[in-house]
């Protein structure tokens, strides 16, 4: 999994008034939620420092340096302004080497499906899947081979397995499918 370096400054002021003043300075209020009986840490980061972390389909393991103290974290949640689309607040989750984390990973389909060769259309229904795993076992993306996927068939979460990962989505949720197109339906009707 790719890593992203992020520096922040611990903040002492809390509440709406303090958050507004930080935002006016171009800073984003953040929290890293602890674990293993650690306290939550409130800090601020520069808006420009998180742009490449947020506006990308990639998922990163974050090397977080707060006032010179390094730690590992993952992005948990981002709150945006409802009208201006500015970042209001970011939540991080502290990552420990021996504790599994829950995170959504992007799905990438690989290969040309047999159903597509027959005139169908490949549809990706779930762009991300929620997984639980140790941080060092997390891949950059979940690759699914679709070469054997026939016309009208689908791949569900329960049919997938990845080494070292536990999939947390519903087992009957459809990840991808090959749908029958109008042109393929018309050709099948003429052939009868």
Protein backbone atom coordinates (compact mmCIF):
# COMPACT_ATOMS: atom_id res chain seq x y z
CA UNK A 1 0.00 0.00 0.00
CA UNK A 2 1.23 3.50 -0.83
CA UNK A 3 2.15 5.88 1.96
CA UNK A 4 1.55 9.62 2.26
CA UNK A 5 3.57 11.98 4.48
CA UNK A 6 1.53 14.56 6.39
CA UNK A 7 2.66 17.09 9.00
CA UNK A 8 0.32 18.70 11.49
CA UNK A 9 0.35 20.93 14.55
CA UNK A 10 -1.41 19.99 17.78
CA UNK A 11 -4.23 22.43 18.56
CA UNK A 12 -5.35 23.59 21.96
CA UNK A 13 -8.52 25.49 21.00
CA UNK A 14 -11.75 23.57 20.37
CA UNK A 15 -15.30 24.42 19.36
CA UNK A 16 -16.98 26.22 16.47
CA UNK A 17 -15.31 29.57 17.02
CA UNK A 18 -11.81 28.08 17.08
CA UNK A 19 -12.55 25.88 14.02
CA UNK A 20 -13.72 28.93 12.05
CA UNK A 21 -10.58 30.87 12.91
CA UNK A 22 -8.38 27.93 11.82
CA UNK A 23 -10.27 27.68 8.53
CA UNK A 24 -9.79 31.41 7.88
CA UNK A 25 -6.03 30.83 8.21
CA UNK A 26 -6.17 28.05 5.58
CA UNK A 27 -5.94 25.24 8.15
CA UNK A 28 -8.23 22.23 8.54
CA UNK A 29 -9.17 20.95 12.02
CA UNK A 30 -8.48 17.22 12.34
CA UNK A 31 -8.67 14.42 14.89
CA UNK A 32 -6.74 11.17 15.00
CA UNK A 33 -8.70 8.63 17.01
CA UNK A 34 -6.49 6.47 19.19
CA UNK A 35 -6.69 2.90 20.15
CA UNK A 36 -4.98 0.74 22.77
CA UNK A 37 -6.11 3.20 25.49
CA UNK A 38 -4.54 6.20 23.74
CA UNK A 39 -6.24 9.59 23.78
CA UNK A 40 -7.64 11.23 20.67
CA UNK A 41 -5.28 13.87 19.29
CA UNK A 42 -6.68 17.14 17.92
CA UNK A 43 -4.52 18.92 15.35
CA UNK A 44 -4.58 21.12 12.25
CA UNK A 45 -3.08 20.64 8.78
CA UNK A 46 -2.62 23.02 5.87
CA UNK A 47 -5.33 22.80 3.22
CA UNK A 48 -2.69 22.47 0.49
CA UNK A 49 -1.01 19.52 2.26
CA UNK A 50 -4.09 17.26 2.06
CA UNK A 51 -5.22 18.09 -1.49
CA UNK A 52 -3.35 15.14 -3.08
CA UNK A 53 -4.52 12.83 -0.28
CA UNK A 54 -8.22 13.59 -0.66
CA UNK A 55 -8.85 14.29 -4.34
CA UNK A 56 -7.62 10.92 -5.65
CA UNK A 57 -9.06 7.42 -6.00
CA UNK A 58 -5.94 6.02 -4.29
CA UNK A 59 -5.99 4.81 -0.68
CA UNK A 60 -2.99 5.69 1.46
CA UNK A 61 -1.39 4.65 4.73
CA UNK A 62 -0.48 8.03 6.25
CA UNK A 63 2.83 8.81 7.96
CA UNK A 64 1.49 11.41 10.36
CA UNK A 65 4.00 13.70 12.10
CA UNK A 66 2.42 15.79 14.87
CA UNK A 67 4.83 18.25 16.50
CA UNK A 68 7.77 15.99 15.63
CA UNK A 69 6.15 12.77 16.90
CA UNK A 70 5.59 10.19 14.09
CA UNK A 71 2.65 7.77 13.93
CA UNK A 72 0.71 5.78 11.32
CA UNK A 73 -2.92 6.49 10.43
CA UNK A 74 -5.59 5.98 7.78
CA UNK A 75 -8.21 8.42 6.56
CA UNK A 76 -11.54 7.64 8.20
CA UNK A 77 -13.96 10.45 7.26
CA UNK A 78 -14.01 13.87 5.62
CA UNK A 79 -16.67 16.53 6.21
CA UNK A 80 -17.30 18.99 3.37
CA UNK A 81 -19.20 22.29 3.38
CA UNK A 82 -22.65 21.59 1.83
CA UNK A 83 -22.52 24.55 -0.58
CA UNK A 84 -18.91 25.63 -1.10
CA UNK A 85 -17.48 22.07 -1.01
CA UNK A 86 -14.61 23.23 1.23
CA UNK A 87 -13.12 20.69 3.65
CA UNK A 88 -14.47 21.38 7.15
CA UNK A 89 -12.98 18.53 9.19
CA UNK A 90 -10.97 15.32 8.73
CA UNK A 91 -11.01 12.22 10.95
CA UNK A 92 -8.06 9.83 10.98
CA UNK A 93 -7.72 6.45 12.66
CA UNK A 94 -4.48 5.48 14.39
CA UNK A 95 -2.95 2.30 12.91
CA UNK A 96 -1.04 -0.25 15.00
CA UNK A 97 1.07 -3.08 13.51
CA UNK A 98 -0.79 -5.90 15.32
CA UNK A 99 -4.37 -4.53 15.18
CA UNK A 100 -6.55 -5.02 12.05
CA UNK A 101 -8.07 -1.94 10.44
CA UNK A 102 -11.30 -1.57 8.47
CA UNK A 103 -10.95 0.40 5.24
CA UNK A 104 -12.55 0.66 1.80
CA UNK A 105 -10.26 -0.37 -1.07
CA UNK A 106 -10.86 0.36 -4.77
CA UNK A 107 -11.84 -2.49 -7.12
CA UNK A 108 -10.14 -2.99 -10.50
CA UNK A 109 -11.47 -5.46 -13.08
CA UNK A 110 -8.92 -7.40 -15.10
CA UNK A 111 -9.34 -9.25 -18.40
CA UNK A 112 -11.93 -9.36 -21.18
CA UNK A 113 -15.11 -11.08 -20.04
CA UNK A 114 -16.50 -13.92 -22.18
CA UNK A 115 -19.93 -12.25 -22.03
CA UNK A 116 -18.49 -9.04 -23.50
CA UNK A 117 -17.11 -11.04 -26.44
CA UNK A 118 -20.67 -12.30 -26.98
CA UNK A 119 -22.04 -8.75 -27.18
CA UNK A 120 -22.74 -7.96 -23.53
CA UNK A 121 -21.71 -4.95 -21.50
CA UNK A 122 -19.50 -5.21 -18.39
CA UNK A 123 -20.86 -3.22 -15.44
CA UNK A 124 -18.92 -2.46 -12.22
CA UNK A 125 -21.55 -2.07 -9.49
CA UNK A 126 -19.23 -1.64 -6.47
CA UNK A 127 -16.21 0.60 -7.01
CA UNK A 128 -14.94 -0.02 -3.44
CA UNK A 129 -15.15 -2.94 -1.04
CA UNK A 130 -14.83 -2.69 2.74
CA UNK A 131 -12.12 -4.98 4.15
CA UNK A 132 -10.53 -5.80 7.51
CA UNK A 133 -6.82 -6.63 7.62
CA UNK A 134 -3.50 -5.78 9.23
CA UNK A 135 -1.97 -2.61 7.79
CA UNK A 136 1.00 -4.40 6.21
CA UNK A 137 -1.32 -6.86 4.40
CA UNK A 138 -3.45 -4.16 2.73
CA UNK A 139 -3.04 -4.06 -1.06
CA UNK A 140 -3.28 -0.90 -3.15
CA UNK A 141 -6.43 -2.20 -4.88
CA UNK A 142 -8.54 -5.36 -5.17
CA UNK A 143 -8.01 -6.96 -8.58
CA UNK A 144 -10.82 -9.21 -9.88
CA UNK A 145 -10.33 -11.36 -12.99
CA UNK A 146 -13.50 -11.35 -15.12
CA UNK A 147 -12.35 -13.49 -18.12
CA UNK A 148 -14.76 -16.35 -17.28
CA UNK A 149 -17.77 -14.10 -16.66
CA UNK A 150 -20.53 -15.15 -19.10
CA UNK A 151 -23.42 -13.13 -20.52
CA UNK A 152 -26.08 -12.45 -17.87
CA UNK A 153 -23.83 -13.62 -15.01
CA UNK A 154 -22.41 -11.67 -12.06
CA UNK A 155 -19.70 -11.86 -9.40
CA UNK A 156 -20.87 -11.44 -5.82
CA UNK A 157 -18.83 -10.52 -2.73
CA UNK A 158 -19.26 -14.05 -1.31
CA UNK A 159 -17.46 -15.54 -4.35
CA UNK A 160 -14.33 -13.44 -3.77
CA UNK A 161 -11.40 -14.16 -1.51
CA UNK A 162 -8.12 -12.34 -1.03
CA UNK A 163 -5.18 -13.56 1.04
CA UNK A 164 -4.99 -11.90 4.45
CA UNK A 165 -8.21 -9.89 3.94
CA UNK A 166 -11.70 -10.29 5.34
CA UNK A 167 -14.44 -8.80 3.13
CA UNK A 168 -17.08 -6.99 5.21
CA UNK A 169 -19.71 -6.22 2.54
CA UNK A 170 -22.89 -8.32 2.28
CA UNK A 171 -22.10 -11.72 0.73
CA UNK A 172 -24.90 -11.42 -1.86
CA UNK A 173 -23.93 -7.90 -3.00
CA UNK A 174 -23.08 -7.81 -6.73
CA UNK A 175 -19.60 -6.45 -7.48
CA UNK A 176 -19.75 -6.67 -11.28
CA UNK A 177 -21.91 -8.23 -14.00
CA UNK A 178 -22.19 -8.69 -17.75
CA UNK A 179 -25.52 -7.32 -18.93
CA UNK A 180 -27.31 -8.22 -22.15
CA UNK A 181 -27.35 -5.21 -24.48
CA UNK A 182 -30.19 -4.24 -26.79
CA UNK A 183 -28.09 -5.10 -29.85
CA UNK A 184 -27.28 -8.55 -28.43
CA UNK A 185 -30.99 -9.11 -27.62
CA UNK A 186 -31.96 -8.12 -31.16
CA UNK A 187 -29.36 -10.46 -32.68
CA UNK A 188 -30.57 -13.32 -30.46
CA UNK A 189 -34.20 -12.68 -31.46
CA UNK A 190 -33.32 -12.70 -35.19
CA UNK A 191 -31.38 -15.93 -34.79
CA UNK A 192 -34.41 -17.78 -33.37
